[in-house]
Every structure is written in structure tokens, then in C-alpha cells.
């Protein structure tokens, strides 16, 4: 029977800080693109102004960055 030692368990526990930062950056980029698409659609239909556009892009970028950082920090990838 092969038993894992404590260091091996810590290594597979999660991605850690670097993976969390990378996931946050990737998620933020995806959120910015998604928010921009929503803003373009809003301007095309005439239902968008500058204040709404800034709020949508900010909210989607921060939301996706948080989700990406969470996924990156918890993933068992190096």
C-alpha cells in the first residue's frame, strides 16, 4: 500500500496563489469581453448610455475575475 506523505498532500491540495492570480487575470479578460459584447448590443438597440456601459463592464470584469481566481486557487493544477 502506497501512503502519501504530508508534502505530497499539500502539493495536490490546490493551485495556490499563482494559479489564483492567473485565473483572475483570465477571468477578468473574459468578463471584459463579455461585458463589452453586452454594451455593444445595448448601443445597437439604443438601450445603453455611458453610465450603464461603465457599470456593466466593471461588474462583469470583477465578477469573472473573482470566479476565475476562485477556480484557479482551488484547482489541483500547478
Protein backbone atom coordinates (compact mmCIF):
# COMPACT_ATOMS: atom_id res chain seq x y z
CA UNK A 1 0.00 0.00 0.00
CA UNK A 2 1.43 3.35 -1.08
CA UNK A 3 0.92 6.09 1.53
CA UNK A 4 1.15 9.80 0.67
CA UNK A 5 3.28 11.93 2.92
CA UNK A 6 2.26 15.38 4.14
CA UNK A 7 4.21 17.25 1.45
CA UNK A 8 2.52 15.28 -1.33
CA UNK A 9 -0.89 16.03 0.16
CA UNK A 10 -0.07 19.75 0.33
CA UNK A 11 1.12 19.72 -3.28
CA UNK A 12 -2.19 18.34 -4.60
CA UNK A 13 -4.41 20.36 -2.27
CA UNK A 14 -4.86 23.32 -4.58
CA UNK A 15 -3.30 25.61 -7.13
CA UNK A 16 -2.39 28.33 -4.68
CA UNK A 17 -1.60 31.98 -5.19
CA UNK A 18 -0.06 31.87 -8.66
CA UNK A 19 -2.94 29.84 -10.09
CA UNK A 20 -5.40 32.17 -8.37
CA UNK A 21 -3.79 35.24 -9.90
CA UNK A 22 -3.63 33.62 -13.33
CA UNK A 23 -7.27 32.55 -13.07
CA UNK A 24 -8.27 36.05 -12.01
CA UNK A 25 -6.50 37.62 -14.96
CA UNK A 26 -8.01 35.17 -17.42
CA UNK A 27 -11.45 35.54 -15.85
CA UNK A 28 -11.18 39.33 -15.87
CA UNK A 29 -10.30 39.28 -19.55
CA UNK A 30 -13.26 37.04 -20.32
CA UNK A 31 -15.55 39.27 -18.25
CA UNK A 32 -14.32 42.38 -20.03
CA UNK A 33 -15.03 40.79 -23.41
CA UNK A 34 -18.45 39.59 -22.29
CA UNK A 35 -19.32 42.97 -20.83
CA UNK A 36 -18.15 44.72 -23.98
CA UNK A 37 -20.36 42.45 -26.08
CA UNK A 38 -23.33 43.31 -23.88
CA UNK A 39 -22.57 47.03 -24.16
CA UNK A 40 -22.27 46.83 -27.96
CA UNK A 41 -25.61 45.02 -28.10
CA UNK A 42 -27.12 47.70 -25.86
CA UNK A 43 -25.81 50.54 -28.00
CA UNK A 44 -27.03 48.78 -31.14
CA UNK A 45 -30.56 48.51 -29.78
CA UNK A 46 -30.48 52.02 -28.30
CA UNK A 47 -30.90 50.90 -24.67
CA UNK A 48 -27.48 51.93 -23.39
CA UNK A 49 -25.83 55.08 -22.10
CA UNK A 50 -22.30 55.77 -20.85
CA UNK A 51 -23.07 55.27 -17.16
CA UNK A 52 -24.77 51.91 -17.75
CA UNK A 53 -21.95 50.81 -20.04
CA UNK A 54 -19.25 51.52 -17.44
CA UNK A 55 -21.25 49.72 -14.74
CA UNK A 56 -21.82 46.64 -16.90
CA UNK A 57 -18.19 46.34 -17.96
CA UNK A 58 -16.96 46.88 -14.39
CA UNK A 59 -19.40 44.36 -12.90
CA UNK A 60 -18.74 41.64 -15.46
CA UNK A 61 -14.97 42.11 -15.27
CA UNK A 62 -14.89 41.96 -11.48
CA UNK A 63 -17.36 39.06 -11.31
CA UNK A 64 -15.50 36.93 -13.81
CA UNK A 65 -12.15 37.84 -12.22
CA UNK A 66 -13.42 36.66 -8.83
CA UNK A 67 -14.78 33.44 -10.28
CA UNK A 68 -11.54 32.83 -12.18
CA UNK A 69 -9.41 33.49 -9.12
CA UNK A 70 -11.54 31.11 -7.07
CA UNK A 71 -11.34 28.38 -9.70
CA UNK A 72 -7.60 28.90 -10.15
CA UNK A 73 -6.89 28.91 -6.45
CA UNK A 74 -8.85 25.72 -5.80
CA UNK A 75 -7.78 23.75 -8.84
CA UNK A 76 -5.24 20.98 -8.27
CA UNK A 77 -3.13 22.17 -11.21
CA UNK A 78 0.34 23.60 -10.57
